[in-house]
Every structure is written in C-alpha cells, then in structure tokens.
Amino acid sequence: MATFNSKRLNVEKARELTRQVYRASNKPPFSRDFGLKDQIRRASVSVMSNIAEGHDRSGTGEFVQFLATAKASAAEVRCQLYVAADQGYIHEDELLQLKALAAETGKMVGGLMKYLRGSGYKGTKFKPVAQN
C-alpha cells in the first residue's frame, strides 16, 4: 500500500505523544488522579492503536474510519491536557508542548485521511480476481 511510510510516520508521532502523556501523568499530583490519568492515557494509546488497526484492514474506507477515530482521540488528549493544567498537574510550558504534539499528530492523521480519500485506491479486498 502506498501509504505505508505515511502510516509509519503517523504511528511514530502517536507513539511519541503516548510516551510524553505517560511521562507527564506519572508525576504527582497527576499520578494520583486515577480517573484523568487513565482517560488521557487511554486516549493517547487509542491514537496509535487506531492507526495500526486501520492500516491492517483490507479496505481504504475502513482505514479512513479508523484514522478518524485516531484523530478524534488526539483531540480528546488536547482537551484533557487543559483539565490537567487547570488542576495544576502540568505547567503552562508542558501544556503547550503536549498540546502542540497532540495537534501535530492529529494534523498528520488528517493529512493521511485526505490523501487516502483522493487516491482512488480502494484497498486489497477490492482487487480484481485474475481470471483464467
């Protein structure tokens, strides 16, 4: 699939987002807010997971659906970062850095979605069967 390199870049960006979210949420007092810590971590992992799962589907339409979920999860991370900042769990500079990383991840996923929609490629399950 022509999108493999783009998918890899998106997964690497999502992986970095997840790594940074885990790092930030490991520090007290954030680490003691089990609800928010769990939710923001699940959202960041969802970004990575949906990119990977969508890529392994046989159709481009399915891949785009999974990418839409990944993009929405990146937005969810941004929202939860504001909650963490409002509670004093992260400082302004960390909020800005993490928010930018989440936004960049979402934009990359959105770019891949746009590419796939315009590519005309439908996926491996739509390949014509060779006739004898």
C-alpha atoms as a PDB file:
ATOM      1  CA  MET A   1       0.000   0.000   0.000  1.00  0.00           C
ATOM      2  CA  ALA A   2       1.374   3.400  -0.944  1.00  0.00           C
ATOM      3  CA  THR A   3       0.514   4.809   2.471  1.00  0.00           C
ATOM      4  CA  PHE A   4       2.921   2.604   4.438  1.00  0.00           C
ATOM      5  CA  ASN A   5       5.542   5.314   5.001  1.00  0.00           C
ATOM      6  CA  SER A   6       2.878   7.856   5.953  1.00  0.00           C
ATOM      7  CA  LYS A   7       1.331   5.366   8.338  1.00  0.00           C
ATOM      8  CA  ARG A   8       4.714   4.715   9.932  1.00  0.00           C
ATOM      9  CA  LEU A   9       5.320   8.438  10.422  1.00  0.00           C
ATOM     10  CA  ASN A  10       1.863   8.833  11.950  1.00  0.00           C
ATOM     11  CA  VAL A  11       2.409   5.890  14.293  1.00  0.00           C
ATOM     12  CA  GLU A  12       5.804   7.255  15.352  1.00  0.00           C
ATOM     13  CA  LYS A  13       4.270  10.660  16.098  1.00  0.00           C
ATOM     14  CA  ALA A  14       1.420   8.973  18.017  1.00  0.00           C
ATOM     15  CA  ARG A  15       3.951   6.849  19.875  1.00  0.00           C
ATOM     16  CA  GLU A  16       5.831   9.978  20.948  1.00  0.00           C
ATOM     17  CA  LEU A  17       2.548  11.539  22.101  1.00  0.00           C
ATOM     18  CA  THR A  18       1.767   8.454  24.181  1.00  0.00           C
ATOM     19  CA  ARG A  19       5.270   8.409  25.640  1.00  0.00           C
ATOM     20  CA  GLN A  20       5.008  12.075  26.657  1.00  0.00           C
ATOM     21  CA  VAL A  21       1.499  11.663  28.111  1.00  0.00           C
ATOM     22  CA  TYR A  22       2.675   8.738  30.237  1.00  0.00           C
ATOM     23  CA  ARG A  23       5.703  10.730  31.380  1.00  0.00           C
ATOM     24  CA  ALA A  24       3.600  13.723  32.403  1.00  0.00           C
ATOM     25  CA  SER A  25       0.905  11.634  34.087  1.00  0.00           C
ATOM     26  CA  ASN A  26       3.471   9.678  36.129  1.00  0.00           C
ATOM     27  CA  LYS A  27       4.339  12.763  38.178  1.00  0.00           C
ATOM     28  CA  PRO A  28       2.414  13.645  41.340  1.00  0.00           C
ATOM     29  CA  PRO A  29      -0.168  15.043  41.785  1.00  0.00           C
ATOM     30  CA  PHE A  30      -1.289  13.990  38.284  1.00  0.00           C
ATOM     31  CA  SER A  31      -0.384  10.376  39.060  1.00  0.00           C
ATOM     32  CA  ARG A  32      -2.902  10.329  41.925  1.00  0.00           C
ATOM     33  CA  ASP A  33      -5.856  11.496  39.811  1.00  0.00           C
ATOM     34  CA  PHE A  34      -6.630   7.997  38.635  1.00  0.00           C
ATOM     35  CA  GLY A  35      -9.641   8.934  36.525  1.00  0.00           C
ATOM     36  CA  LEU A  36      -7.969  11.668  34.473  1.00  0.00           C
ATOM     37  CA  LYS A  37      -4.671   9.795  34.291  1.00  0.00           C
ATOM     38  CA  ASP A  38      -6.408   6.689  32.967  1.00  0.00           C
ATOM     39  CA  GLN A  39      -8.560   8.623  30.487  1.00  0.00           C
ATOM     40  CA  ILE A  40      -5.758  10.660  28.935  1.00  0.00           C
ATOM     41  CA  ARG A  41      -3.552   7.590  28.689  1.00  0.00           C
ATOM     42  CA  ARG A  42      -6.303   5.566  27.004  1.00  0.00           C
ATOM     43  CA  ALA A  43      -6.926   8.416  24.560  1.00  0.00           C
ATOM     44  CA  SER A  44      -3.239   8.644  23.624  1.00  0.00           C
ATOM     45  CA  VAL A  45      -2.967   4.872  23.183  1.00  0.00           C
ATOM     46  CA  SER A  46      -6.132   4.990  21.066  1.00  0.00           C
ATOM     47  CA  VAL A  47      -4.384   7.249  18.565  1.00  0.00           C
ATOM     48  CA  MET A  48      -1.620   4.697  17.974  1.00  0.00           C
ATOM     49  CA  SER A  49      -3.907   1.687  18.092  1.00  0.00           C
ATOM     50  CA  ASN A  50      -6.434   3.015  15.597  1.00  0.00           C
ATOM     51  CA  ILE A  51      -3.741   3.945  13.079  1.00  0.00           C
ATOM     52  CA  ALA A  52      -2.262   0.459  13.311  1.00  0.00           C
ATOM     53  CA  GLU A  53      -5.587  -1.373  13.298  1.00  0.00           C
ATOM     54  CA  GLY A  54      -6.934   0.659  10.402  1.00  0.00           C
ATOM     55  CA  HIS A  55      -3.821   0.010   8.354  1.00  0.00           C
ATOM     56  CA  ASP A  56      -4.282  -3.720   8.723  1.00  0.00           C
ATOM     57  CA  ARG A  57      -7.815  -3.591   7.351  1.00  0.00           C
ATOM     58  CA  SER A  58      -8.287  -4.594   3.744  1.00  0.00           C
ATOM     59  CA  GLY A  59     -10.183  -1.535   2.600  1.00  0.00           C
ATOM     60  CA  THR A  60      -9.209   2.102   2.389  1.00  0.00           C
ATOM     61  CA  GLY A  61     -12.657   3.150   3.611  1.00  0.00           C
ATOM     62  CA  GLU A  62     -12.146   1.160   6.791  1.00  0.00           C
ATOM     63  CA  PHE A  63      -8.679   2.634   7.210  1.00  0.00           C
ATOM     64  CA  VAL A  64     -10.111   6.154   6.938  1.00  0.00           C
ATOM     65  CA  GLN A  65     -12.734   5.318   9.591  1.00  0.00           C
ATOM     66  CA  PHE A  66     -10.038   4.165  11.996  1.00  0.00           C
ATOM     67  CA  LEU A  67      -7.974   7.250  11.202  1.00  0.00           C
ATOM     68  CA  ALA A  68     -10.995   9.427  12.031  1.00  0.00           C
ATOM     69  CA  THR A  69     -11.140   7.763  15.443  1.00  0.00           C
ATOM     70  CA  ALA A  70      -7.395   8.297  15.904  1.00  0.00           C
ATOM     71  CA  LYS A  71      -7.765  11.983  15.010  1.00  0.00           C
ATOM     72  CA  ALA A  72     -10.649  12.373  17.463  1.00  0.00           C
ATOM     73  CA  SER A  73      -8.575  10.705  20.181  1.00  0.00           C
ATOM     74  CA  ALA A  74      -5.791  13.233  19.594  1.00  0.00           C
ATOM     75  CA  ALA A  75      -8.381  15.987  20.116  1.00  0.00           C
ATOM     76  CA  GLU A  76      -9.501  14.250  23.302  1.00  0.00           C
ATOM     77  CA  VAL A  77      -5.910  14.291  24.573  1.00  0.00           C
ATOM     78  CA  ARG A  78      -5.753  18.059  23.935  1.00  0.00           C
ATOM     79  CA  CYS A  79      -8.972  18.579  25.891  1.00  0.00           C
ATOM     80  CA  GLN A  80      -7.749  16.514  28.827  1.00  0.00           C
ATOM     81  CA  LEU A  81      -4.481  18.410  28.875  1.00  0.00           C
ATOM     82  CA  TYR A  82      -6.468  21.543  29.654  1.00  0.00           C
ATOM     83  CA  VAL A  83      -8.125  19.751  32.563  1.00  0.00           C
ATOM     84  CA  ALA A  84      -4.700  18.660  33.829  1.00  0.00           C
ATOM     85  CA  ALA A  85      -3.372  22.227  33.531  1.00  0.00           C
ATOM     86  CA  ASP A  86      -6.440  23.681  35.249  1.00  0.00           C
ATOM     87  CA  GLN A  87      -5.881  21.307  38.170  1.00  0.00           C
ATOM     88  CA  GLY A  88      -2.217  22.312  38.410  1.00  0.00           C
ATOM     89  CA  TYR A  89      -0.971  18.880  37.338  1.00  0.00           C
ATOM     90  CA  ILE A  90       1.124  20.260  34.477  1.00  0.00           C
ATOM     91  CA  HIS A  91       2.752  23.651  33.981  1.00  0.00           C
ATOM     92  CA  GLU A  92       1.948  26.027  31.125  1.00  0.00           C
ATOM     93  CA  ASP A  93       5.095  25.165  29.156  1.00  0.00           C
ATOM     94  CA  GLU A  94       4.332  21.446  29.395  1.00  0.00           C
ATOM     95  CA  LEU A  95       0.721  22.096  28.373  1.00  0.00           C
ATOM     96  CA  LEU A  96       1.867  23.987  25.292  1.00  0.00           C
ATOM     97  CA  GLN A  97       4.417  21.327  24.323  1.00  0.00           C
ATOM     98  CA  LEU A  98       1.995  18.416  24.745  1.00  0.00           C
ATOM     99  CA  LYS A  99      -0.874  20.262  23.122  1.00  0.00           C
ATOM    100  CA  ALA A 100       1.320  21.047  20.098  1.00  0.00           C
ATOM    101  CA  LEU A 101       2.377  17.402  19.843  1.00  0.00           C
ATOM    102  CA  ALA A 102      -1.251  16.231  20.002  1.00  0.00           C
ATOM    103  CA  ALA A 103      -2.281  18.827  17.404  1.00  0.00           C
ATOM    104  CA  GLU A 104       0.578  17.869  15.085  1.00  0.00           C
ATOM    105  CA  THR A 105      -0.340  14.198  15.432  1.00  0.00           C
ATOM    106  CA  GLY A 106      -3.964  14.975  14.590  1.00  0.00           C
ATOM    107  CA  LYS A 107      -2.923  17.037  11.558  1.00  0.00           C
ATOM    108  CA  MET A 108      -0.712  14.245  10.254  1.00  0.00           C
ATOM    109  CA  VAL A 109      -3.553  11.758  10.627  1.00  0.00           C
ATOM    110  CA  GLY A 110      -5.905  14.194   8.895  1.00  0.00           C
ATOM    111  CA  GLY A 111      -3.419  14.558   6.048  1.00  0.00           C
ATOM    112  CA  LEU A 112      -3.267  10.811   5.595  1.00  0.00           C
ATOM    113  CA  MET A 113      -7.069  10.675   5.582  1.00  0.00           C
ATOM    114  CA  LYS A 114      -7.188  13.341   2.880  1.00  0.00           C
ATOM    115  CA  TYR A 115      -4.590  11.519   0.813  1.00  0.00           C
ATOM    116  CA  LEU A 116      -6.458   8.210   1.053  1.00  0.00           C
ATOM    117  CA  ARG A 117      -9.780   9.772   0.119  1.00  0.00           C
ATOM    118  CA  GLY A 118      -8.275  11.311  -3.003  1.00  0.00           C
ATOM    119  CA  SER A 119      -6.040   8.418  -4.023  1.00  0.00           C
ATOM    120  CA  GLY A 120      -8.662   6.263  -5.701  1.00  0.00           C
ATOM    121  CA  TYR A 121      -7.087   3.233  -4.040  1.00  0.00           C
ATOM    122  CA  LYS A 122      -9.833   1.100  -2.503  1.00  0.00           C
ATOM    123  CA  GLY A 123      -7.736  -1.499  -0.717  1.00  0.00           C
ATOM    124  CA  THR A 124      -6.638  -5.071  -1.210  1.00  0.00           C
ATOM    125  CA  LYS A 125     -10.079  -6.593  -0.758  1.00  0.00           C
ATOM    126  CA  PHE A 126     -11.234  -4.739  -3.889  1.00  0.00           C
ATOM    127  CA  LYS A 127      -8.508  -6.032  -6.203  1.00  0.00           C
ATOM    128  CA  PRO A 128      -9.942  -7.790  -9.227  1.00  0.00           C
ATOM    129  CA  VAL A 129      -9.577 -11.551  -9.211  1.00  0.00           C
ATOM    130  CA  ALA A 130      -7.431 -12.890 -12.053  1.00  0.00           C
ATOM    131  CA  GLN A 131      -9.499 -14.907 -14.477  1.00  0.00           C
ATOM    132  CA  ASN A 132      -8.156 -17.871 -16.404  1.00  0.00           C
END
